[in-house]
PDB file of N, CA and C in Angstrom:
ATOM      1  N   MET A   1       0.657  -1.350  -0.137  1.00  0.00           N
ATOM      2  CA  MET A   1      -0.025  -0.190  -0.046  1.00  0.00           C
ATOM      3  C   MET A   1       0.605   1.218   0.195  1.00  0.00           C
ATOM      4  N   THR A   2       0.653   2.543  -0.573  1.00  0.00           N
ATOM      5  CA  THR A   2       1.342   3.733  -1.058  1.00  0.00           C
ATOM      6  C   THR A   2       0.939   4.541   0.121  1.00  0.00           C
ATOM      7  N   GLU A   3       1.853   5.346  -0.040  1.00  0.00           N
ATOM      8  CA  GLU A   3       1.206   6.358   0.905  1.00  0.00           C
ATOM      9  C   GLU A   3       0.118   7.144   0.754  1.00  0.00           C
ATOM     10  N   SER A   4       0.093   7.292  -0.462  1.00  0.00           N
ATOM     11  CA  SER A   4      -1.402   8.164  -1.005  1.00  0.00           C
ATOM     12  C   SER A   4      -2.216   7.110  -0.990  1.00  0.00           C
ATOM     13  N   GLY A   5      -2.332   6.076  -0.627  1.00  0.00           N
ATOM     14  CA  GLY A   5      -3.430   4.839  -0.580  1.00  0.00           C
ATOM     15  C   GLY A   5      -3.705   5.134   1.077  1.00  0.00           C
ATOM     16  N   ILE A   6      -2.736   5.019   1.657  1.00  0.00           N
ATOM     17  CA  ILE A   6      -3.182   5.386   3.253  1.00  0.00           C
ATOM     18  C   ILE A   6      -3.772   6.524   3.256  1.00  0.00           C
ATOM     19  N   LEU A   7      -3.336   7.858   2.482  1.00  0.00           N
ATOM     20  CA  LEU A   7      -4.292   8.714   2.632  1.00  0.00           C
ATOM     21  C   LEU A   7      -5.823   8.800   2.113  1.00  0.00           C
ATOM     22  N   ILE A   8      -5.825   7.963   1.045  1.00  0.00           N
ATOM     23  CA  ILE A   8      -7.040   8.101   0.534  1.00  0.00           C
ATOM     24  C   ILE A   8      -7.885   6.730   1.539  1.00  0.00           C
ATOM     25  N   PHE A   9      -7.272   5.866   1.834  1.00  0.00           N
ATOM     26  CA  PHE A   9      -7.985   5.444   3.083  1.00  0.00           C
ATOM     27  C   PHE A   9      -8.727   6.321   4.124  1.00  0.00           C
ATOM     28  N   LEU A  10      -7.800   6.898   4.868  1.00  0.00           N
ATOM     29  CA  LEU A  10      -8.151   7.750   5.986  1.00  0.00           C
ATOM     30  C   LEU A  10      -9.362   8.936   5.441  1.00  0.00           C
ATOM     31  N   VAL A  11      -9.050   9.337   4.327  1.00  0.00           N
ATOM     32  CA  VAL A  11     -10.262  10.648   3.754  1.00  0.00           C
ATOM     33  C   VAL A  11     -11.506   9.589   3.383  1.00  0.00           C
ATOM     34  N   LEU A  12     -11.326   8.843   2.700  1.00  0.00           N
ATOM     35  CA  LEU A  12     -12.693   8.091   2.302  1.00  0.00           C
ATOM     36  C   LEU A  12     -13.572   7.453   3.478  1.00  0.00           C
ATOM     37  N   ILE A  13     -12.677   6.703   4.497  1.00  0.00           N
ATOM     38  CA  ILE A  13     -13.137   6.276   5.441  1.00  0.00           C
ATOM     39  C   ILE A  13     -13.755   7.036   6.478  1.00  0.00           C
ATOM     40  N   GLN A  14     -13.196   8.090   6.475  1.00  0.00           N
ATOM     41  CA  GLN A  14     -14.225   9.473   7.126  1.00  0.00           C
ATOM     42  C   GLN A  14     -15.217   9.724   7.055  1.00  0.00           C
ATOM     43  N   VAL A  15     -15.405   9.797   5.147  1.00  0.00           N
ATOM     44  CA  VAL A  15     -16.537  10.288   4.525  1.00  0.00           C
ATOM     45  C   VAL A  15     -17.953   9.260   4.355  1.00  0.00           C
ATOM     46  N   LYS A  16     -16.989   7.999   4.364  1.00  0.00           N
ATOM     47  CA  LYS A  16     -17.984   6.757   4.757  1.00  0.00           C
ATOM     48  C   LYS A  16     -18.587   6.507   5.955  1.00  0.00           C
ATOM     49  N   HIS A  17     -18.076   6.885   7.120  1.00  0.00           N
ATOM     50  CA  HIS A  17     -18.555   6.846   8.326  1.00  0.00           C
ATOM     51  C   HIS A  17     -19.337   7.979   8.903  1.00  0.00           C
ATOM     52  N   TYR A  18     -19.528   9.207   8.182  1.00  0.00           N
ATOM     53  CA  TYR A  18     -20.295  10.281   8.518  1.00  0.00           C
ATOM     54  C   TYR A  18     -21.493   9.700   7.652  1.00  0.00           C
ATOM     55  N   PHE A  19     -21.743   9.437   6.550  1.00  0.00           N
ATOM     56  CA  PHE A  19     -22.473   9.123   5.787  1.00  0.00           C
ATOM     57  C   PHE A  19     -23.457   7.817   6.561  1.00  0.00           C
ATOM     58  N   ALA A  20     -22.804   6.776   6.704  1.00  0.00           N
ATOM     59  CA  ALA A  20     -23.247   5.277   7.289  1.00  0.00           C
ATOM     60  C   ALA A  20     -23.782   5.842   8.721  1.00  0.00           C
ATOM     61  N   ASP A  21     -23.084   6.651   9.759  1.00  0.00           N
ATOM     62  CA  ASP A  21     -23.675   6.521  10.912  1.00  0.00           C
ATOM     63  C   ASP A  21     -24.324   7.624  11.243  1.00  0.00           C
ATOM     64  N   PHE A  22     -24.460   8.637  10.128  1.00  0.00           N
ATOM     65  CA  PHE A  22     -25.174   9.724  10.856  1.00  0.00           C
ATOM     66  C   PHE A  22     -26.383  10.124   9.612  1.00  0.00           C
ATOM     67  N   ARG A  23     -26.020  10.237   8.343  1.00  0.00           N
ATOM     68  CA  ARG A  23     -26.817  10.727   7.062  1.00  0.00           C
ATOM     69  C   ARG A  23     -27.954   9.554   7.059  1.00  0.00           C
ATOM     70  N   TRP A  24     -27.211   8.580   6.675  1.00  0.00           N
ATOM     71  CA  TRP A  24     -28.028   7.219   6.044  1.00  0.00           C
ATOM     72  C   TRP A  24     -28.688   6.222   7.240  1.00  0.00           C
ATOM     73  N   GLN A  25     -28.444   6.742   8.685  1.00  0.00           N
ATOM     74  CA  GLN A  25     -28.957   5.468   9.502  1.00  0.00           C
ATOM     75  C   GLN A  25     -30.438   6.236   9.775  1.00  0.00           C
ATOM     76  N   THR A  26     -31.500   4.883   9.815  1.00  0.00           N
ATOM     77  CA  THR A  26     -33.090   5.135  10.273  1.00  0.00           C
ATOM     78  C   THR A  26     -33.228   5.117  11.629  1.00  0.00           C
ATOM     79  N   GLY A  27     -34.433   5.632  11.653  1.00  0.00           N
ATOM     80  CA  GLY A  27     -34.991   5.177  12.938  1.00  0.00           C
ATOM     81  C   GLY A  27     -35.176   3.976  13.475  1.00  0.00           C
ATOM     82  N   GLU A  28     -35.555   3.159  12.705  1.00  0.00           N
ATOM     83  CA  GLU A  28     -35.137   1.574  12.893  1.00  0.00           C
ATOM     84  C   GLU A  28     -34.044   1.230  13.047  1.00  0.00           C
ATOM     85  N   MET A  29     -33.192   1.374  12.580  1.00  0.00           N
ATOM     86  CA  MET A  29     -31.635   1.165  12.996  1.00  0.00           C
ATOM     87  C   MET A  29     -31.268   1.427  14.322  1.00  0.00           C
ATOM     88  N   LEU A  30     -31.796   2.899  14.798  1.00  0.00           N
ATOM     89  CA  LEU A  30     -31.409   3.370  15.859  1.00  0.00           C
ATOM     90  C   LEU A  30     -32.053   2.661  17.221  1.00  0.00           C
ATOM     91  N   ALA A  31     -33.369   2.071  16.923  1.00  0.00           N
ATOM     92  CA  ALA A  31     -34.530   1.666  17.517  1.00  0.00           C
ATOM     93  C   ALA A  31     -34.055   0.387  18.007  1.00  0.00           C
ATOM     94  N   HIS A  32     -32.997  -0.390  17.224  1.00  0.00           N
ATOM     95  CA  HIS A  32     -33.054  -1.560  17.459  1.00  0.00           C
ATOM     96  C   HIS A  32     -31.197  -1.847  18.001  1.00  0.00           C
ATOM     97  N   LYS A  33     -30.441  -0.958  17.869  1.00  0.00           N
ATOM     98  CA  LYS A  33     -29.047  -1.321  18.442  1.00  0.00           C
ATOM     99  C   LYS A  33     -28.745  -2.326  19.730  1.00  0.00           C
ATOM    100  N   GLY A  34     -30.025  -2.240  20.542  1.00  0.00           N
ATOM    101  CA  GLY A  34     -29.611  -2.696  21.934  1.00  0.00           C
ATOM    102  C   GLY A  34     -29.535  -4.175  21.675  1.00  0.00           C
ATOM    103  N   GLU A  35     -30.526  -4.517  20.981  1.00  0.00           N
ATOM    104  CA  GLU A  35     -30.841  -5.949  20.717  1.00  0.00           C
ATOM    105  C   GLU A  35     -29.639  -6.671  19.594  1.00  0.00           C
ATOM    106  N   PHE A  36     -28.817  -7.207  20.553  1.00  0.00           N
ATOM    107  CA  PHE A  36     -27.758  -8.208  19.386  1.00  0.00           C
ATOM    108  C   PHE A  36     -27.918  -8.637  18.521  1.00  0.00           C
ATOM    109  N   LEU A  37     -27.505  -8.326  17.268  1.00  0.00           N
ATOM    110  CA  LEU A  37     -27.819  -8.996  16.022  1.00  0.00           C
ATOM    111  C   LEU A  37     -28.893  -8.747  15.554  1.00  0.00           C
ATOM    112  N   HIS A  38     -29.670  -7.807  15.898  1.00  0.00           N
ATOM    113  CA  HIS A  38     -30.823  -7.257  15.425  1.00  0.00           C
ATOM    114  C   HIS A  38     -31.005  -7.105  14.008  1.00  0.00           C
ATOM    115  N   PRO A  39     -31.941  -7.525  13.106  1.00  0.00           N
ATOM    116  CA  PRO A  39     -31.975  -7.345  11.590  1.00  0.00           C
ATOM    117  C   PRO A  39     -31.818  -5.714  11.311  1.00  0.00           C
ATOM    118  N   ALA A  40     -32.283  -4.739  12.021  1.00  0.00           N
ATOM    119  CA  ALA A  40     -31.600  -3.455  11.550  1.00  0.00           C
ATOM    120  C   ALA A  40     -30.537  -2.845  11.869  1.00  0.00           C
ATOM    121  N   GLY A  41     -30.379  -3.725  13.020  1.00  0.00           N
ATOM    122  CA  GLY A  41     -28.778  -2.979  13.593  1.00  0.00           C
ATOM    123  C   GLY A  41     -27.847  -3.691  12.709  1.00  0.00           C
ATOM    124  N   MET A  42     -27.987  -5.296  12.123  1.00  0.00           N
ATOM    125  CA  MET A  42     -27.116  -5.822  11.379  1.00  0.00           C
ATOM    126  C   MET A  42     -27.431  -4.731  10.094  1.00  0.00           C
ATOM    127  N   ALA A  43     -28.156  -3.948   9.099  1.00  0.00           N
ATOM    128  CA  ALA A  43     -28.502  -3.403   8.095  1.00  0.00           C
ATOM    129  C   ALA A  43     -27.462  -2.354   8.303  1.00  0.00           C
ATOM    130  N   HIS A  44     -27.491  -1.652   9.668  1.00  0.00           N
ATOM    131  CA  HIS A  44     -26.930  -0.360   9.750  1.00  0.00           C
ATOM    132  C   HIS A  44     -25.130  -0.884   9.658  1.00  0.00           C
ATOM    133  N   ALA A  45     -24.917  -1.930  10.497  1.00  0.00           N
ATOM    134  CA  ALA A  45     -23.796  -2.130  10.562  1.00  0.00           C
ATOM    135  C   ALA A  45     -23.077  -2.822   8.888  1.00  0.00           C
ATOM    136  N   GLY A  46     -24.198  -3.627   8.245  1.00  0.00           N
ATOM    137  CA  GLY A  46     -23.994  -4.181   7.037  1.00  0.00           C
ATOM    138  C   GLY A  46     -23.601  -2.950   6.041  1.00  0.00           C
ATOM    139  N   LEU A  47     -24.360  -1.772   6.380  1.00  0.00           N
ATOM    140  CA  LEU A  47     -23.746  -0.334   5.492  1.00  0.00           C
ATOM    141  C   LEU A  47     -22.597   0.290   5.499  1.00  0.00           C
ATOM    142  N   HIS A  48     -21.733  -0.288   6.601  1.00  0.00           N
ATOM    143  CA  HIS A  48     -20.506   0.262   6.989  1.00  0.00           C
ATOM    144  C   HIS A  48     -19.853  -0.607   6.292  1.00  0.00           C
ATOM    145  N   GLY A  49     -19.893  -1.788   6.311  1.00  0.00           N
ATOM    146  CA  GLY A  49     -19.151  -2.851   5.644  1.00  0.00           C
ATOM    147  C   GLY A  49     -19.346  -2.678   4.208  1.00  0.00           C
ATOM    148  N   LEU A  50     -20.558  -2.670   3.512  1.00  0.00           N
ATOM    149  CA  LEU A  50     -20.712  -2.320   2.205  1.00  0.00           C
ATOM    150  C   LEU A  50     -19.830  -1.169   1.790  1.00  0.00           C
ATOM    151  N   LEU A  51     -20.335  -0.278   2.508  1.00  0.00           N
ATOM    152  CA  LEU A  51     -19.582   1.129   2.054  1.00  0.00           C
ATOM    153  C   LEU A  51     -18.029   1.266   2.100  1.00  0.00           C
ATOM    154  N   SER A  52     -17.621   0.391   2.802  1.00  0.00           N
ATOM    155  CA  SER A  52     -15.733   0.237   2.938  1.00  0.00           C
ATOM    156  C   SER A  52     -15.406  -0.363   2.097  1.00  0.00           C
ATOM    157  N   LEU A  53     -16.243  -1.546   1.417  1.00  0.00           N
ATOM    158  CA  LEU A  53     -15.555  -2.248   0.293  1.00  0.00           C
ATOM    159  C   LEU A  53     -14.929  -1.411  -0.622  1.00  0.00           C
ATOM    160  N   PRO A  54     -15.379  -0.450  -1.336  1.00  0.00           N
ATOM    161  CA  PRO A  54     -14.884   0.581  -2.481  1.00  0.00           C
ATOM    162  C   PRO A  54     -13.573   1.576  -1.670  1.00  0.00           C
ATOM    163  N   VAL A  55     -13.868   1.924  -0.568  1.00  0.00           N
ATOM    164  CA  VAL A  55     -12.852   2.497   0.021  1.00  0.00           C
ATOM    165  C   VAL A  55     -11.738   1.733   0.093  1.00  0.00           C
ATOM    166  N   MET A  56     -11.769   0.523   0.732  1.00  0.00           N
ATOM    167  CA  MET A  56     -10.448   0.031   0.567  1.00  0.00           C
ATOM    168  C   MET A  56     -10.033  -0.563  -0.474  1.00  0.00           C
ATOM    169  N   THR A  57     -10.875  -0.776  -1.845  1.00  0.00           N
ATOM    170  CA  THR A  57      -9.972  -1.060  -3.034  1.00  0.00           C
ATOM    171  C   THR A  57      -9.787   0.096  -3.685  1.00  0.00           C
ATOM    172  N   LEU A  58      -9.960   1.319  -3.593  1.00  0.00           N
ATOM    173  CA  LEU A  58      -9.378   2.468  -4.130  1.00  0.00           C
ATOM    174  C   LEU A  58      -8.109   2.875  -3.387  1.00  0.00           C
ATOM    175  N   ALA A  59      -8.084   2.341  -2.312  1.00  0.00           N
ATOM    176  CA  ALA A  59      -6.748   2.540  -1.496  1.00  0.00           C
ATOM    177  C   ALA A  59      -5.813   1.808  -1.578  1.00  0.00           C
ATOM    178  N   GLY A  60      -6.359   0.877  -2.116  1.00  0.00           N
ATOM    179  CA  GLY A  60      -5.447  -0.628  -2.617  1.00  0.00           C
ATOM    180  C   GLY A  60      -4.908  -1.519  -1.288  1.00  0.00           C
ATOM    181  N   LEU A  61      -5.812  -1.755  -0.604  1.00  0.00           N
ATOM    182  CA  LEU A  61      -5.491  -2.486   0.875  1.00  0.00           C
ATOM    183  C   LEU A  61      -5.045  -3.886   0.756  1.00  0.00           C
ATOM    184  N   GLY A  62      -5.397  -4.327  -0.715  1.00  0.00           N
ATOM    185  CA  GLY A  62      -4.832  -6.122  -0.371  1.00  0.00           C
ATOM    186  C   GLY A  62      -6.018  -6.258  -1.541  1.00  0.00           C
ATOM    187  N   GLY A  63      -5.827  -7.736  -1.544  1.00  0.00           N
ATOM    188  CA  GLY A  63      -6.634  -8.295  -2.768  1.00  0.00           C
ATOM    189  C   GLY A  63      -8.316  -8.643  -2.382  1.00  0.00           C
ATOM    190  N   PRO A  64      -9.032  -8.960  -3.227  1.00  0.00           N
ATOM    191  CA  PRO A  64     -10.216  -9.239  -2.554  1.00  0.00           C
ATOM    192  C   PRO A  64     -10.913  -9.970  -1.638  1.00  0.00           C
ATOM    193  N   GLY A  65     -10.331 -10.754  -1.546  1.00  0.00           N
ATOM    194  CA  GLY A  65     -10.270 -12.061  -0.474  1.00  0.00           C
ATOM    195  C   GLY A  65     -10.316 -11.098   0.827  1.00  0.00           C
ATOM    196  N   LEU A  66      -8.992 -10.269   0.865  1.00  0.00           N
ATOM    197  CA  LEU A  66      -8.917  -9.747   2.212  1.00  0.00           C
ATOM    198  C   LEU A  66     -10.038  -8.331   2.333  1.00  0.00           C
ATOM    199  N   ILE A  67      -9.733  -7.969   1.396  1.00  0.00           N
ATOM    200  CA  ILE A  67     -10.750  -6.841   1.584  1.00  0.00           C
ATOM    201  C   ILE A  67     -12.500  -7.168   1.991  1.00  0.00           C
ATOM    202  N   VAL A  68     -12.788  -8.657   1.339  1.00  0.00           N
ATOM    203  CA  VAL A  68     -13.966  -8.904   1.903  1.00  0.00           C
ATOM    204  C   VAL A  68     -13.850  -9.468   3.642  1.00  0.00           C
ATOM    205  N   ALA A  69     -13.066  -9.853   3.658  1.00  0.00           N
ATOM    206  CA  ALA A  69     -12.759 -10.229   5.083  1.00  0.00           C
ATOM    207  C   ALA A  69     -12.735  -9.335   6.019  1.00  0.00           C
ATOM    208  N   LEU A  70     -11.947  -8.132   6.034  1.00  0.00           N
ATOM    209  CA  LEU A  70     -12.225  -6.962   6.593  1.00  0.00           C
ATOM    210  C   LEU A  70     -13.083  -6.447   6.682  1.00  0.00           C
ATOM    211  N   ALA A  71     -14.318  -6.103   5.523  1.00  0.00           N
ATOM    212  CA  ALA A  71     -15.054  -5.543   5.727  1.00  0.00           C
ATOM    213  C   ALA A  71     -16.258  -6.068   6.308  1.00  0.00           C
ATOM    214  N   LEU A  72     -16.054  -7.826   6.522  1.00  0.00           N
ATOM    215  CA  LEU A  72     -16.917  -8.795   7.247  1.00  0.00           C
ATOM    216  C   LEU A  72     -16.956  -8.485   8.560  1.00  0.00           C
ATOM    217  N   ALA A  73     -15.603  -8.663   9.069  1.00  0.00           N
ATOM    218  CA  ALA A  73     -15.227  -8.267  10.030  1.00  0.00           C
ATOM    219  C   ALA A  73     -15.405  -6.879  11.018  1.00  0.00           C
ATOM    220  N   GLU A  74     -15.529  -5.706   9.993  1.00  0.00           N
ATOM    221  CA  GLU A  74     -16.048  -4.412  10.592  1.00  0.00           C
ATOM    222  C   GLU A  74     -17.387  -4.417  11.118  1.00  0.00           C
ATOM    223  N   VAL A  75     -18.134  -5.423   9.999  1.00  0.00           N
ATOM    224  CA  VAL A  75     -20.092  -5.476  10.119  1.00  0.00           C
ATOM    225  C   VAL A  75     -19.833  -5.824  11.678  1.00  0.00           C
ATOM    226  N   PHE A  76     -19.195  -7.191  12.067  1.00  0.00           N
ATOM    227  CA  PHE A  76     -19.150  -7.456  13.249  1.00  0.00           C
ATOM    228  C   PHE A  76     -19.071  -6.806  14.442  1.00  0.00           C
ATOM    229  N   VAL A  77     -17.795  -6.121  14.025  1.00  0.00           N
ATOM    230  CA  VAL A  77     -17.560  -5.209  15.237  1.00  0.00           C
ATOM    231  C   VAL A  77     -18.128  -4.039  15.233  1.00  0.00           C
ATOM    232  N   HIS A  78     -18.174  -3.484  14.265  1.00  0.00           N
ATOM    233  CA  HIS A  78     -19.685  -2.237  14.303  1.00  0.00           C
ATOM    234  C   HIS A  78     -20.724  -2.802  15.189  1.00  0.00           C
ATOM    235  N   ASN A  79     -21.560  -3.619  14.770  1.00  0.00           N
ATOM    236  CA  ASN A  79     -22.583  -4.219  15.705  1.00  0.00           C
ATOM    237  C   ASN A  79     -22.394  -4.138  17.045  1.00  0.00           C
ATOM    238  N   VAL A  80     -21.210  -4.902  17.380  1.00  0.00           N
ATOM    239  CA  VAL A  80     -20.896  -5.328  18.813  1.00  0.00           C
ATOM    240  C   VAL A  80     -20.738  -3.800  19.555  1.00  0.00           C
ATOM    241  N   ILE A  81     -19.921  -2.827  18.729  1.00  0.00           N
ATOM    242  CA  ILE A  81     -19.653  -1.337  19.468  1.00  0.00           C
ATOM    243  C   ILE A  81     -21.218  -0.849  19.729  1.00  0.00           C
ATOM    244  N   ASP A  82     -22.001  -0.665  18.855  1.00  0.00           N
ATOM    245  CA  ASP A  82     -23.396  -0.152  19.044  1.00  0.00           C
ATOM    246  C   ASP A  82     -23.917  -0.830  19.969  1.00  0.00           C
ATOM    247  N   TRP A  83     -23.814  -1.846  19.713  1.00  0.00           N
ATOM    248  CA  TRP A  83     -24.912  -2.855  20.895  1.00  0.00           C
ATOM    249  C   TRP A  83     -24.618  -2.910  22.462  1.00  0.00           C
ATOM    250  N   LYS A  84     -23.091  -2.252  22.312  1.00  0.00           N
ATOM    251  CA  LYS A  84     -22.666  -2.023  23.901  1.00  0.00           C
ATOM    252  C   LYS A  84     -22.864  -1.236  24.196  1.00  0.00           C
ATOM    253  N   LYS A  85     -22.698   0.139  23.251  1.00  0.00           N
ATOM    254  CA  LYS A  85     -23.309   1.742  23.465  1.00  0.00           C
ATOM    255  C   LYS A  85     -24.803   1.497  24.055  1.00  0.00           C
ATOM    256  N   ALA A  86     -25.372   1.335  23.215  1.00  0.00           N
ATOM    257  CA  ALA A  86     -27.034   0.812  23.196  1.00  0.00           C
ATOM    258  C   ALA A  86     -27.185   0.905  24.938  1.00  0.00           C
ATOM    259  N   ASN A  87     -26.382  -0.736  24.975  1.00  0.00           N
ATOM    260  CA  ASN A  87     -26.965  -1.095  26.591  1.00  0.00           C
ATOM    261  C   ASN A  87     -26.402  -0.051  27.744  1.00  0.00           C
ATOM    262  N   LEU A  88     -25.169   0.207  27.504  1.00  0.00           N
ATOM    263  CA  LEU A  88     -25.028   1.052  28.218  1.00  0.00           C
ATOM    264  C   LEU A  88     -25.577   2.615  28.584  1.00  0.00           C
ATOM    265  N   GLN A  89     -26.201   3.139  27.378  1.00  0.00           N
ATOM    266  CA  GLN A  89     -26.810   3.989  27.688  1.00  0.00           C
ATOM    267  C   GLN A  89     -28.089   3.804  28.140  1.00  0.00           C
ATOM    268  N   ASN A  90     -28.873   2.527  27.841  1.00  0.00           N
ATOM    269  CA  ASN A  90     -29.921   1.974  28.816  1.00  0.00           C
ATOM    270  C   ASN A  90     -31.009   2.803  28.367  1.00  0.00           C
ATOM    271  N   GLY A  91     -31.016   3.341  26.975  1.00  0.00           N
ATOM    272  CA  GLY A  91     -32.145   3.934  26.290  1.00  0.00           C
ATOM    273  C   GLY A  91     -32.358   5.409  26.702  1.00  0.00           C
ATOM    274  N   LYS A  92     -31.287   6.031  27.201  1.00  0.00           N
ATOM    275  CA  LYS A  92     -31.296   7.595  27.650  1.00  0.00           C
ATOM    276  C   LYS A  92     -30.511   8.314  27.049  1.00  0.00           C
ATOM    277  N   ALA A  93     -31.350   9.322  26.184  1.00  0.00           N
ATOM    278  CA  ALA A  93     -30.377  10.075  25.427  1.00  0.00           C
ATOM    279  C   ALA A  93     -30.480  11.792  25.554  1.00  0.00           C
ATOM    280  N   ASP A  94     -30.489  11.670  27.031  1.00  0.00           N
ATOM    281  CA  ASP A  94     -30.258  13.607  27.253  1.00  0.00           C
ATOM    282  C   ASP A  94     -29.017  14.172  27.267  1.00  0.00           C
ATOM    283  N   LEU A  95     -29.282  14.990  26.236  1.00  0.00           N
ATOM    284  CA  LEU A  95     -28.298  15.713  25.559  1.00  0.00           C
ATOM    285  C   LEU A  95     -27.479  16.821  26.487  1.00  0.00           C
ATOM    286  N   ASP A  96     -28.400  17.159  27.444  1.00  0.00           N
ATOM    287  CA  ASP A  96     -27.676  17.977  28.945  1.00  0.00           C
ATOM    288  C   ASP A  96     -26.706  16.999  29.713  1.00  0.00           C
ATOM    289  N   GLU A  97     -26.756  15.839  29.515  1.00  0.00           N
ATOM    290  CA  GLU A  97     -26.020  14.843  30.450  1.00  0.00           C
ATOM    291  C   GLU A  97     -24.628  14.610  30.110  1.00  0.00           C
ATOM    292  N   ALA A  98     -23.494  14.802  31.016  1.00  0.00           N
ATOM    293  CA  ALA A  98     -22.068  14.594  30.488  1.00  0.00           C
ATOM    294  C   ALA A  98     -21.955  13.098  29.928  1.00  0.00           C
ATOM    295  N   GLY A  99     -22.695  12.184  30.778  1.00  0.00           N
ATOM    296  CA  GLY A  99     -22.540  10.550  30.510  1.00  0.00           C
ATOM    297  C   GLY A  99     -22.711  10.132  28.892  1.00  0.00           C
ATOM    298  N   PHE A 100     -23.780  10.696  28.032  1.00  0.00           N
ATOM    299  CA  PHE A 100     -24.409  10.508  27.089  1.00  0.00           C
ATOM    300  C   PHE A 100     -23.393  11.196  26.341  1.00  0.00           C
ATOM    301  N   TRP A 101     -22.617  12.340  26.585  1.00  0.00           N
ATOM    302  CA  TRP A 101     -21.603  12.808  25.539  1.00  0.00           C
ATOM    303  C   TRP A 101     -20.446  11.803  25.788  1.00  0.00           C
ATOM    304  N   ARG A 102     -19.943  11.221  26.549  1.00  0.00           N
ATOM    305  CA  ARG A 102     -18.906  10.134  27.230  1.00  0.00           C
ATOM    306  C   ARG A 102     -18.935   9.118  26.219  1.00  0.00           C
ATOM    307  N   LEU A 103     -20.233   8.603  26.275  1.00  0.00           N
ATOM    308  CA  LEU A 103     -20.989   7.341  25.840  1.00  0.00           C
ATOM    309  C   LEU A 103     -20.988   7.219  24.223  1.00  0.00           C
ATOM    310  N   VAL A 104     -21.064   9.213  23.526  1.00  0.00           N
ATOM    311  CA  VAL A 104     -20.954   9.123  22.277  1.00  0.00           C
ATOM    312  C   VAL A 104     -19.512   8.964  21.595  1.00  0.00           C
ATOM    313  N   GLY A 105     -18.674   9.622  22.802  1.00  0.00           N
ATOM    314  CA  GLY A 105     -17.261   9.884  22.174  1.00  0.00           C
ATOM    315  C   GLY A 105     -16.647   8.568  22.393  1.00  0.00           C
ATOM    316  N   LEU A 106     -16.900   7.831  23.391  1.00  0.00           N
ATOM    317  CA  LEU A 106     -16.604   6.272  23.124  1.00  0.00           C
ATOM    318  C   LEU A 106     -16.824   5.323  21.982  1.00  0.00           C
ATOM    319  N   ASP A 107     -18.045   5.529  22.140  1.00  0.00           N
ATOM    320  CA  ASP A 107     -18.449   4.811  20.647  1.00  0.00           C
ATOM    321  C   ASP A 107     -17.630   5.417  19.649  1.00  0.00           C
ATOM    322  N   GLN A 108     -17.550   6.756  18.812  1.00  0.00           N
ATOM    323  CA  GLN A 108     -16.934   6.905  18.001  1.00  0.00           C
ATOM    324  C   GLN A 108     -15.417   6.821  17.558  1.00  0.00           C
ATOM    325  N   ALA A 109     -14.621   6.584  18.803  1.00  0.00           N
ATOM    326  CA  ALA A 109     -13.662   6.521  19.262  1.00  0.00           C
ATOM    327  C   ALA A 109     -13.193   5.121  18.609  1.00  0.00           C
ATOM    328  N   ALA A 110     -14.035   3.830  19.212  1.00  0.00           N
ATOM    329  CA  ALA A 110     -13.969   2.675  19.218  1.00  0.00           C
ATOM    330  C   ALA A 110     -13.941   2.441  17.963  1.00  0.00           C
ATOM    331  N   HIS A 111     -14.960   3.200  16.962  1.00  0.00           N
ATOM    332  CA  HIS A 111     -15.291   2.816  15.633  1.00  0.00           C
ATOM    333  C   HIS A 111     -13.821   3.246  14.474  1.00  0.00           C
ATOM    334  N   GLN A 112     -13.252   4.181  15.217  1.00  0.00           N
ATOM    335  CA  GLN A 112     -12.212   5.010  14.322  1.00  0.00           C
ATOM    336  C   GLN A 112     -10.783   3.805  14.864  1.00  0.00           C
ATOM    337  N   LEU A 113     -10.899   3.168  16.018  1.00  0.00           N
ATOM    338  CA  LEU A 113     -10.234   2.458  16.451  1.00  0.00           C
ATOM    339  C   LEU A 113     -10.174   1.249  15.411  1.00  0.00           C
ATOM    340  N   THR A 114     -11.065   0.807  14.981  1.00  0.00           N
ATOM    341  CA  THR A 114     -11.344  -0.341  13.736  1.00  0.00           C
ATOM    342  C   THR A 114     -11.137   0.291  12.715  1.00  0.00           C
ATOM    343  N   TYR A 115     -11.154   1.028  12.436  1.00  0.00           N
ATOM    344  CA  TYR A 115     -10.352   1.448  11.128  1.00  0.00           C
ATOM    345  C   TYR A 115      -8.763   1.803  11.023  1.00  0.00           C
ATOM    346  N   VAL A 116      -8.506   2.169  12.089  1.00  0.00           N
ATOM    347  CA  VAL A 116      -6.802   2.094  12.541  1.00  0.00           C
ATOM    348  C   VAL A 116      -6.416   0.414  11.839  1.00  0.00           C
ATOM    349  N   ALA A 117      -7.235  -0.749  12.861  1.00  0.00           N
ATOM    350  CA  ALA A 117      -7.135  -1.774  12.779  1.00  0.00           C
ATOM    351  C   ALA A 117      -7.089  -2.129  11.390  1.00  0.00           C
ATOM    352  N   ILE A 118      -8.106  -2.169  10.520  1.00  0.00           N
ATOM    353  CA  ILE A 118      -8.038  -2.253   9.692  1.00  0.00           C
ATOM    354  C   ILE A 118      -6.954  -1.982   8.348  1.00  0.00           C
ATOM    355  N   LEU A 119      -6.760  -0.631   8.759  1.00  0.00           N
ATOM    356  CA  LEU A 119      -5.221  -0.355   7.953  1.00  0.00           C
ATOM    357  C   LEU A 119      -4.173  -0.886   8.122  1.00  0.00           C
ATOM    358  N   ALA A 120      -4.209  -1.617   9.791  1.00  0.00           N
ATOM    359  CA  ALA A 120      -2.754  -2.320  10.047  1.00  0.00           C
ATOM    360  C   ALA A 120      -2.558  -3.341   9.563  1.00  0.00           C
ATOM    361  N   VAL A 121      -4.108  -4.108   9.178  1.00  0.00           N
ATOM    362  CA  VAL A 121      -4.122  -5.573   8.698  1.00  0.00           C
ATOM    363  C   VAL A 121      -3.407  -5.351   7.086  1.00  0.00           C
ATOM    364  N   GLY A 122      -4.127  -4.096   6.544  1.00  0.00           N
ATOM    365  CA  GLY A 122      -3.798  -3.862   5.151  1.00  0.00           C
ATOM    366  C   GLY A 122      -2.435  -3.789   4.645  1.00  0.00           C
ATOM    367  N   LEU A 123      -1.728  -3.002   5.880  1.00  0.00           N
ATOM    368  CA  LEU A 123      -0.231  -2.795   6.026  1.00  0.00           C
ATOM    369  C   LEU A 123       0.888  -3.771   5.772  1.00  0.00           C
ATOM    370  N   LEU A 124       0.377  -5.218   6.340  1.00  0.00           N
ATOM    371  CA  LEU A 124       0.888  -5.892   6.489  1.00  0.00           C
ATOM    372  C   LEU A 124       1.595  -6.945   5.244  1.00  0.00           C
TER     373      LEU A 124
END
């Protein structure tokens, strides 16, 4: 993977994450994150994995087998992160509570570290 491939990955994965996590997430997806492997939550996580396929391909992260394996791993990990956050949040979304924002920050940091792990595997 080239240096430009790393930059392509880092930029496009952020754009992908914004759209999948904030623009295209439906109320149904949000409502069922606390239910492990619920179809709606898996659809959300699956959207992430699906959108990561062209990002990894454009960045030159590896061959098709590795890219598909990393996308599938991302789907599972993304679902686990969202499930854990939903259960720690316990259905509360009080924007005035510091605890809510700590969980949002922890959730987003975990997703970003997933991307670091994907990049690290691609660099091996």
